[in-house]
Amino acid sequence: MIALIVGSGAREHALVRALRRDTQVNEVHVAPGNAGIASDAQVHAIDPLDGEAVADLAAAIGADLVIIGPEAPLVAGVADAVRARGIACFGPSAEAARLEGSKAFAKEVMAAAGVPTARPAVCATLAEVEAALDDLGAPYVVKDDGLAAGKGVVVTDDRAAALAHARACLDAGSQVVLEEYLDGPEVSLFAVTDGVTVVPLRPAQDFKRVGDGDSGPNTGGMGSYSPLPWSPADLVDETMRTVLQPTVDEMRRRGTPFAGLLYAGLALTSKGLRVVEYNCRFGDPETQVVLARLDSPLSSLLLAAATGTLADLPPLQWSDDAAVCVVIAAEGYPESPVTGGVITGLADADAVEGVDVLHAGTRAEGAEIVASGGRVLSVVGRGATLAEARERAYAAVALIDLPGAHHRSDIAARAAGQ
């Protein structure tokens, strides 16, 4: 198989590494990729939001499968452009990708499907926001309706701060979705679907706040781990029954079937399971740990979803190993990342037993690798236990140097009993 991955982050690097382990795949191409991906796959400098350019590239290299990583190309209809050429593509249509592209639309679908979620208020004016704040009460949860790269959400007890975030979203031309606050831990559960059959992957937990102890502002994600030893034994079954299958069925009923990766962000509240959000693609950094534990060939799974044959796929096989991902972020992230810093120690870190160093915001400048974004690297450790996986990940992190960089030191610590 020849595979083309669209994207340039650590999620895409994790997909590359998974496909390289897959004996059914003999060529992996990535557009546009990054400095680390370039050492593992053939990279192509094209605009990932240009559907025709992606389709042209897929045709030129003879791709059997195109895998779209980030949400923006999906919302822009890149998957539609690829499929229009008769090329199998893993990723929902632009219409189906509205599940992530519009939180108001996602709430509408959840209501129609009977999916348990936080009570919402969709607001188009500041007066509506103020009324919703009074109705829902603190803590206030305020979300930009559109795509915000994981940073469009404010959760605060400060009404003025909640109002300020809502005003900024409205001023930028977006609606605002306010929600009741959900207590309890959050879990990410991915499911692969062809629009009819739904195949769940393994749960993971990510860490959205920038600092230890869940302090500081929200980010795109500072780390993750899997499995979750504390999660309910029936979590996957319950989520399939009450969330994932009903949503896929409702999307098909609407005439906009969802085929690709449906990511349910879940809160395990005192009142039961609730959906926090939907994403329409592999999540980052959870993908890094979920794929590290997948023993079945990734290409077969994604191709089956892209061709409507998931029901014929044998059950997925998973490793009993644990995986922990630690994100190394540039100085100033998430507010104003400092780019251009030289990264050293990458080869030594990648050589640590059980470790994959996955690149996100990196580029090559001559012989040097430099930071080009806020989240620079995802360091993934795998081991027989969470404690061992965590130890390996942090041992590798210690070998990497980027001036001013920062990372959380508590990823998976509580779950590992440390």
Protein backbone atom coordinates (compact mmCIF):
# COMPACT_ATOMS: atom_id res chain seq x y z
CA MET A 1 0.00 0.00 0.00
CA ILE A 2 1.03 3.59 -0.68
CA ALA A 3 -0.28 5.98 1.98
CA LEU A 4 -0.42 9.77 1.98
CA ILE A 5 -0.86 11.56 5.31
CA VAL A 6 -1.96 15.21 5.33
CA GLY A 7 -0.61 17.32 8.21
CA SER A 8 2.54 18.46 9.96
CA GLY A 9 2.25 17.69 13.68
CA ALA A 10 3.16 15.02 16.20
CA ARG A 11 -0.17 13.30 15.52
CA GLU A 12 0.91 12.85 11.90
CA HIS A 13 4.37 11.67 13.00
CA ALA A 14 2.64 9.06 15.21
CA LEU A 15 0.61 7.92 12.19
CA VAL A 16 3.83 7.67 10.17
CA ARG A 17 5.53 5.51 12.80
CA ALA A 18 2.46 3.26 13.05
CA LEU A 19 2.36 2.79 9.27
CA ARG A 20 6.09 2.10 9.16
CA ARG A 21 5.49 -0.81 11.57
CA ASP A 22 2.75 -2.07 9.24
CA THR A 23 4.00 -4.76 6.86
CA GLN A 24 1.17 -3.99 4.42
CA VAL A 25 2.54 -0.48 3.77
CA ASN A 26 5.55 0.00 1.49
CA GLU A 27 5.48 3.79 0.97
CA VAL A 28 4.50 6.61 3.33
CA HIS A 29 4.20 10.18 2.04
CA VAL A 30 3.32 13.25 4.13
CA ALA A 31 2.20 16.72 3.08
CA PRO A 32 3.65 19.01 4.28
CA GLY A 33 5.30 17.17 7.21
CA ASN A 34 8.06 18.56 9.43
CA ALA A 35 11.75 18.03 10.15
CA GLY A 36 11.26 14.79 12.07
CA ILE A 37 8.71 13.33 9.69
CA ALA A 38 11.13 14.00 6.81
CA SER A 39 13.51 11.40 8.27
CA ASP A 40 10.76 8.74 8.36
CA ALA A 41 8.74 9.45 5.19
CA GLN A 42 8.73 11.29 1.88
CA VAL A 43 7.49 14.85 2.44
CA HIS A 44 5.83 17.19 -0.05
CA ALA A 45 5.57 20.97 0.34
CA ILE A 46 1.93 21.65 -0.47
CA ASP A 47 -0.87 23.57 1.23
CA PRO A 48 -2.84 21.03 3.33
CA LEU A 49 -5.98 23.18 2.98
CA ASP A 50 -5.92 23.01 -0.84
CA GLY A 51 -8.08 20.02 -1.68
CA GLU A 52 -7.19 19.98 -5.36
CA ALA A 53 -3.46 20.11 -4.57
CA VAL A 54 -3.81 17.20 -2.14
CA ALA A 55 -5.83 15.20 -4.68
CA ASP A 56 -3.28 15.96 -7.41
CA LEU A 57 -0.45 14.73 -5.19
CA ALA A 58 -2.36 11.59 -4.21
CA ALA A 59 -2.94 10.77 -7.88
CA ALA A 60 0.68 11.53 -8.83
CA ILE A 61 2.17 9.17 -6.25
CA GLY A 62 -0.46 6.47 -6.82
CA ALA A 63 -1.79 6.65 -3.27
CA ASP A 64 -4.08 3.81 -2.22
CA LEU A 65 -5.18 5.68 0.89
CA VAL A 66 -5.13 9.33 1.97
CA ILE A 67 -5.29 10.00 5.73
CA ILE A 68 -6.16 13.54 6.79
CA GLY A 69 -4.76 14.42 10.21
CA PRO A 70 -5.84 17.95 11.27
CA GLU A 71 -9.35 19.31 11.56
CA ALA A 72 -8.94 22.41 9.35
CA PRO A 73 -8.47 20.47 6.06
CA LEU A 74 -11.47 18.30 6.93
CA VAL A 75 -13.70 21.30 7.59
CA ALA A 76 -12.36 22.82 4.34
CA GLY A 77 -13.51 19.77 2.35
CA VAL A 78 -10.16 18.24 1.45
CA ALA A 79 -11.53 14.72 1.95
CA ASP A 80 -14.32 15.50 -0.53
CA ALA A 81 -11.79 16.61 -3.15
CA VAL A 82 -9.75 13.42 -2.75
CA ARG A 83 -12.78 11.13 -2.94
CA ALA A 84 -13.98 12.97 -6.05
CA ARG A 85 -10.88 11.56 -7.79
CA GLY A 86 -11.84 8.01 -6.83
CA ILE A 87 -9.10 7.72 -4.18
CA ALA A 88 -9.90 6.17 -0.79
CA CYS A 89 -9.71 8.80 1.95
CA PHE A 90 -9.86 8.46 5.73
CA GLY A 91 -11.65 11.51 7.07
CA PRO A 92 -15.20 12.86 7.06
CA SER A 93 -16.76 15.12 4.46
CA ALA A 94 -16.93 18.87 5.08
CA GLU A 95 -20.61 18.50 6.00
CA ALA A 96 -19.90 15.73 8.52
CA ALA A 97 -16.85 17.57 9.89
CA ARG A 98 -19.23 20.25 11.19
CA LEU A 99 -19.39 18.05 14.29
CA GLU A 100 -16.10 19.72 15.19
CA GLY A 101 -16.32 22.82 13.03
CA SER A 102 -19.40 24.08 14.90
CA LYS A 103 -20.04 23.32 18.56
CA ALA A 104 -23.61 24.56 18.11
CA PHE A 105 -24.16 21.98 15.34
CA ALA A 106 -22.64 19.24 17.52
CA LYS A 107 -25.08 20.11 20.32
CA GLU A 108 -27.96 19.96 17.83
CA VAL A 109 -26.91 16.47 16.70
CA MET A 110 -26.43 15.27 20.27
CA ALA A 111 -29.90 16.48 21.22
CA ALA A 112 -31.46 14.70 18.24
CA ALA A 113 -29.54 11.48 19.01
CA GLY A 114 -30.30 11.57 22.75
CA VAL A 115 -26.63 11.79 23.66
CA PRO A 116 -25.92 12.90 27.25
CA THR A 117 -24.08 16.23 27.30
CA ALA A 118 -23.81 19.51 29.19
CA ARG A 119 -26.81 21.84 28.91
CA PRO A 120 -25.86 24.49 26.32
CA ALA A 121 -26.76 28.05 25.40
CA VAL A 122 -25.84 29.22 21.89
CA CYS A 123 -25.36 32.99 21.89
CA ALA A 124 -24.97 35.50 19.05
CA THR A 125 -25.05 38.71 21.14
CA LEU A 126 -23.46 39.93 24.35
CA ALA A 127 -26.90 40.32 25.91
CA GLU A 128 -27.59 36.64 25.26
CA VAL A 129 -24.22 35.76 26.80
CA GLU A 130 -24.98 37.75 29.95
CA ALA A 131 -28.35 36.05 30.34
CA ALA A 132 -26.78 32.62 29.84
CA LEU A 133 -24.05 33.33 32.40
CA ASP A 134 -26.74 34.18 34.94
CA ASP A 135 -28.77 31.10 34.03
CA LEU A 136 -25.96 28.54 34.01
CA GLY A 137 -23.95 29.98 36.90
CA ALA A 138 -20.33 29.46 37.91
CA PRO A 139 -17.99 27.87 37.09
CA TYR A 140 -18.54 29.44 33.68
CA VAL A 141 -17.72 27.42 30.54
CA VAL A 142 -17.40 29.60 27.43
CA LYS A 143 -16.51 28.13 24.02
CA ASP A 144 -15.81 29.64 20.62
CA ASP A 145 -18.28 27.96 18.27
CA GLY A 146 -15.66 27.40 15.57
CA LEU A 147 -12.22 25.83 15.34
CA ALA A 148 -9.73 27.17 17.88
CA ALA A 149 -6.93 24.57 17.92
CA GLY A 150 -7.92 23.44 21.39
CA LYS A 151 -7.58 26.92 22.89
CA GLY A 152 -11.05 28.39 22.36
CA VAL A 153 -12.42 27.34 25.75
CA VAL A 154 -12.38 29.29 29.00
CA VAL A 155 -13.46 27.70 32.29
CA THR A 156 -13.50 30.22 35.11
CA ASP A 157 -15.26 31.41 38.26
CA ASP A 158 -14.59 35.00 37.17
CA ARG A 159 -17.68 36.32 35.42
CA ALA A 160 -15.75 39.26 33.92
CA ALA A 161 -13.19 36.88 32.39
CA ALA A 162 -15.97 34.69 30.97
CA LEU A 163 -17.65 37.74 29.47
CA ALA A 164 -14.37 39.01 28.02
CA HIS A 165 -13.72 35.70 26.25
CA ALA A 166 -17.27 35.66 24.88
CA ARG A 167 -16.88 39.23 23.64
CA ALA A 168 -13.60 38.35 21.88
CA CYS A 169 -15.29 35.42 20.10
CA LEU A 170 -18.25 37.54 19.06
CA ASP A 171 -15.99 40.35 17.86
CA ALA A 172 -14.16 37.81 15.70
CA GLY A 173 -17.44 36.91 14.02
CA SER A 174 -18.15 33.65 15.81
CA GLN A 175 -21.10 32.48 17.84
CA VAL A 176 -20.44 31.51 21.46
CA VAL A 177 -21.55 28.32 23.16
CA LEU A 178 -21.95 28.46 26.94
CA GLU A 179 -22.40 25.24 28.89
CA GLU A 180 -23.13 24.06 32.38
CA TYR A 181 -19.96 23.00 34.18
CA LEU A 182 -19.27 19.26 34.26
CA ASP A 183 -17.47 17.84 37.29
CA GLY A 184 -15.33 14.70 37.30
CA PRO A 185 -12.34 13.48 35.29
CA GLU A 186 -12.22 13.74 31.50
CA VAL A 187 -11.48 10.88 29.12
CA SER A 188 -10.83 10.78 25.38
CA LEU A 189 -12.28 7.88 23.40
CA PHE A 190 -11.65 7.53 19.67
CA ALA A 191 -13.79 5.44 17.36
CA VAL A 192 -13.20 4.56 13.72
CA THR A 193 -16.37 4.39 11.62
CA ASP A 194 -17.40 3.90 8.01
CA GLY A 195 -20.70 5.66 8.61
CA VAL A 196 -22.50 2.50 9.77
CA THR A 197 -20.17 0.26 11.78
CA VAL A 198 -18.30 1.80 14.73
CA VAL A 199 -15.05 0.35 16.10
CA PRO A 200 -13.84 1.90 19.39
CA LEU A 201 -10.15 2.30 20.15
CA ARG A 202 -8.68 2.39 23.67
CA PRO A 203 -9.39 5.29 26.07
CA ALA A 204 -6.73 7.87 26.91
CA GLN A 205 -6.51 10.95 29.08
CA ASP A 206 -4.85 14.20 28.07
CA PHE A 207 -3.66 17.19 30.08
CA LYS A 208 -4.95 20.47 28.68
CA ARG A 209 -3.56 23.01 31.17
CA VAL A 210 -0.05 24.28 30.61
CA GLY A 211 1.29 23.76 34.13
CA ASP A 212 1.68 21.04 36.75
CA GLY A 213 -1.39 20.39 38.85
CA ASP A 214 -3.61 21.59 35.99
CA SER A 215 -2.57 25.20 36.47
CA GLY A 216 -2.45 27.98 33.90
CA PRO A 217 -4.28 28.45 30.60
CA ASN A 218 -5.64 25.77 28.29
CA THR A 219 -3.37 24.49 25.53
CA GLY A 220 -3.64 22.07 22.65
CA GLY A 221 -2.51 19.39 25.10
CA MET A 222 0.64 18.94 27.21
CA GLY A 223 0.65 15.16 27.51
CA SER A 224 -1.41 11.99 27.64
CA TYR A 225 -1.43 8.38 28.77
CA SER A 226 -3.17 5.05 28.20
CA PRO A 227 -4.55 2.76 29.64
CA LEU A 228 -6.62 4.34 32.40
CA PRO A 229 -6.50 1.98 35.39
CA TRP A 230 -9.12 4.01 37.26
CA SER A 231 -11.77 4.18 34.53
CA PRO A 232 -15.01 2.16 34.82
CA ALA A 233 -14.81 -1.33 33.31
CA ASP A 234 -17.86 -0.65 31.13
CA LEU A 235 -16.73 2.78 29.91
CA VAL A 236 -16.17 1.77 26.27
CA ASP A 237 -19.38 -0.27 26.06
CA GLU A 238 -21.45 2.51 27.62
CA THR A 239 -19.93 5.14 25.35
CA MET A 240 -20.58 2.99 22.29
CA ARG A 241 -24.22 2.46 23.32
CA THR A 242 -25.13 5.98 24.44
CA VAL A 243 -22.77 8.24 22.49
CA LEU A 244 -20.86 6.92 19.49
CA GLN A 245 -23.33 4.63 17.71
CA PRO A 246 -26.32 6.99 18.22
CA THR A 247 -24.29 9.91 16.80
CA VAL A 248 -23.16 7.95 13.74
CA ASP A 249 -26.74 6.76 13.21
CA GLU A 250 -28.09 10.32 13.49
CA MET A 251 -25.53 11.68 11.01
CA ARG A 252 -26.51 8.98 8.52
CA ARG A 253 -30.22 9.74 9.08
CA ARG A 254 -29.52 13.38 8.18
CA GLY A 255 -28.00 12.35 4.86
CA THR A 256 -24.48 13.38 5.91
CA PRO A 257 -22.89 10.10 7.02
CA PHE A 258 -19.79 10.43 9.19
CA ALA A 259 -16.92 8.22 8.05
CA GLY A 260 -13.52 8.63 9.67
CA LEU A 261 -12.40 9.19 13.24
CA LEU A 262 -15.04 10.31 15.73
CA TYR A 263 -13.39 11.56 18.92
CA ALA A 264 -15.60 11.87 21.99
CA GLY A 265 -14.31 14.01 24.83
CA LEU A 266 -16.09 12.62 27.88
CA ALA A 267 -16.62 13.77 31.46
CA LEU A 268 -17.28 11.10 34.08
CA THR A 269 -19.52 13.26 36.25
CA SER A 270 -21.33 12.62 39.52
CA LYS A 271 -24.51 12.34 37.41
CA GLY A 272 -23.03 9.91 34.89
CA LEU A 273 -21.18 10.04 31.58
CA ARG A 274 -21.49 13.28 29.59
CA VAL A 275 -19.99 14.41 26.26
CA VAL A 276 -17.81 17.50 26.56
CA GLU A 277 -17.08 17.81 22.83
CA TYR A 278 -16.71 15.99 19.54
CA ASN A 279 -13.70 16.13 17.28
CA CYS A 280 -13.68 14.77 13.74
CA ARG A 281 -10.09 13.52 13.65
CA PHE A 282 -7.38 11.81 15.69
CA GLY A 283 -6.72 13.89 18.80
CA ASP A 284 -3.30 15.24 19.67
CA PRO A 285 -1.60 14.17 22.00
CA GLU A 286 -3.86 11.16 22.69
CA THR A 287 -3.13 9.61 19.28
CA GLN A 288 0.50 9.28 20.26
CA VAL A 289 -0.29 6.88 23.13
CA VAL A 290 -3.26 5.08 21.58
CA LEU A 291 -1.37 4.11 18.43
CA ALA A 292 1.65 3.07 20.51
CA ARG A 293 -0.57 0.30 21.97
CA LEU A 294 -2.23 -0.85 18.73
CA ASP A 295 -0.92 -4.21 17.51
CA SER A 296 -3.31 -4.63 14.55
CA PRO A 297 -2.25 -3.14 11.20
CA LEU A 298 -3.33 0.50 11.12
CA SER A 299 -3.64 0.56 7.33
CA SER A 300 -6.29 -2.20 7.31
CA LEU A 301 -8.38 -0.37 9.90
CA LEU A 302 -8.30 3.00 8.14
CA LEU A 303 -8.80 1.56 4.67
CA ALA A 304 -11.84 -0.41 5.87
CA ALA A 305 -13.35 2.78 7.26
CA ALA A 306 -12.64 4.62 4.00
CA THR A 307 -14.20 1.86 1.85
CA GLY A 308 -17.24 0.94 3.94
CA THR A 309 -15.99 -2.51 4.96
CA LEU A 310 -15.40 -2.14 8.71
CA ALA A 311 -17.95 -4.86 9.50
CA ASP A 312 -15.65 -7.38 7.79
CA LEU A 313 -12.57 -6.41 9.82
CA PRO A 314 -11.41 -8.87 12.54
CA PRO A 315 -11.35 -7.55 16.13
CA LEU A 316 -8.49 -5.18 16.88
CA GLN A 317 -5.52 -6.51 18.82
CA TRP A 318 -3.99 -4.37 21.57
CA SER A 319 -0.80 -4.52 23.60
CA ASP A 320 -1.05 -4.77 27.37
CA ASP A 321 1.76 -2.22 27.57
CA ALA A 322 1.19 1.32 28.81
CA ALA A 323 2.18 4.50 26.98
CA VAL A 324 2.89 8.00 28.29
CA CYS A 325 3.37 11.11 26.15
CA VAL A 326 5.11 14.27 27.41
CA VAL A 327 4.89 17.39 25.25
CA ILE A 328 7.87 19.74 25.09
CA ALA A 329 6.64 23.26 24.36
CA ALA A 330 8.50 26.36 23.25
CA GLU A 331 9.17 29.27 25.59
CA GLY A 332 6.09 31.47 25.87
CA TYR A 333 3.59 28.78 24.83
CA PRO A 334 0.59 29.02 24.67
CA GLU A 335 0.35 32.84 24.67
CA SER A 336 3.27 33.79 22.41
CA PRO A 337 5.65 30.93 21.55
CA VAL A 338 9.27 31.77 20.82
CA THR A 339 10.42 30.06 17.62
CA GLY A 340 13.83 29.56 16.05
CA GLY A 341 15.55 27.90 19.02
CA VAL A 342 17.96 25.09 18.18
CA ILE A 343 16.97 21.63 19.49
CA THR A 344 19.70 19.20 20.51
CA GLY A 345 19.77 15.67 21.96
CA LEU A 346 17.07 14.31 19.64
CA ALA A 347 18.97 11.23 18.48
CA ASP A 348 19.96 10.25 22.02
CA ALA A 349 16.39 10.66 23.24
CA ASP A 350 14.95 8.63 20.35
CA ALA A 351 17.42 5.84 21.15
CA VAL A 352 16.07 5.33 24.69
CA GLU A 353 14.43 1.91 24.99
CA GLY A 354 10.69 2.05 24.39
CA VAL A 355 10.74 5.71 23.31
CA ASP A 356 9.53 7.52 20.19
CA VAL A 357 10.39 11.20 19.80
CA LEU A 358 7.67 12.62 17.58
CA HIS A 359 8.08 16.02 15.98
CA ALA A 360 5.37 18.69 15.94
CA GLY A 361 6.63 22.25 15.52
CA THR A 362 10.06 21.69 13.99
CA ARG A 363 11.88 22.61 10.80
CA ALA A 364 15.35 21.99 9.41
CA GLU A 365 17.82 24.84 9.00
CA GLY A 366 20.87 23.34 7.39
CA ALA A 367 22.08 20.58 9.69
CA GLU A 368 20.14 21.95 12.67
CA ILE A 369 16.58 21.27 13.82
CA VAL A 370 14.83 24.35 15.21
CA ALA A 371 11.49 25.03 16.89
CA SER A 372 8.84 26.38 14.52
CA GLY A 373 5.72 26.23 16.68
CA GLY A 374 4.31 26.18 20.19
CA ARG A 375 4.19 22.47 20.81
CA VAL A 376 7.56 21.31 19.54
CA LEU A 377 7.89 17.61 20.39
CA SER A 378 5.88 14.70 21.78
CA VAL A 379 8.06 12.24 23.68
CA VAL A 380 6.32 8.88 24.02
CA GLY A 381 7.46 6.19 26.42
CA ARG A 382 6.11 2.65 26.34
CA GLY A 383 6.54 0.06 29.09
CA ALA A 384 5.00 -2.86 30.90
CA THR A 385 3.42 -0.46 33.42
CA LEU A 386 2.47 3.20 33.48
CA ALA A 387 5.34 3.80 35.89
CA GLU A 388 7.86 2.25 33.48
CA ALA A 389 6.41 4.08 30.47
CA ARG A 390 6.52 7.34 32.41
CA GLU A 391 10.11 6.74 33.53
CA ARG A 392 11.24 6.13 29.96
CA ALA A 393 9.44 9.17 28.59
CA TYR A 394 10.94 11.53 31.17
CA ALA A 395 14.41 9.97 30.77
CA ALA A 396 14.23 10.87 27.09
CA VAL A 397 12.86 14.36 27.80
CA ALA A 398 15.89 14.99 30.03
CA LEU A 399 18.21 14.36 27.06
CA ILE A 400 16.60 17.03 24.89
CA ASP A 401 17.62 20.67 25.08
CA LEU A 402 15.71 23.64 23.69
CA PRO A 403 16.45 27.01 25.31
CA GLY A 404 13.47 28.26 27.31
CA ALA A 405 11.36 25.17 26.63
CA HIS A 406 8.98 23.82 29.23
CA HIS A 407 6.98 20.65 29.92
CA ARG A 408 4.76 19.28 32.64
CA SER A 409 6.42 16.97 35.16
CA ASP A 410 3.21 15.29 36.36
CA ILE A 411 1.88 13.53 33.27
CA ALA A 412 0.28 10.23 34.41
CA ALA A 413 1.87 10.60 37.84
CA ARG A 414 -1.33 10.03 39.83
CA ALA A 415 -2.46 7.12 37.65
CA ALA A 416 0.98 5.52 38.02
CA GLY A 417 0.82 5.91 41.80
CA GLN A 418 3.72 8.36 41.87
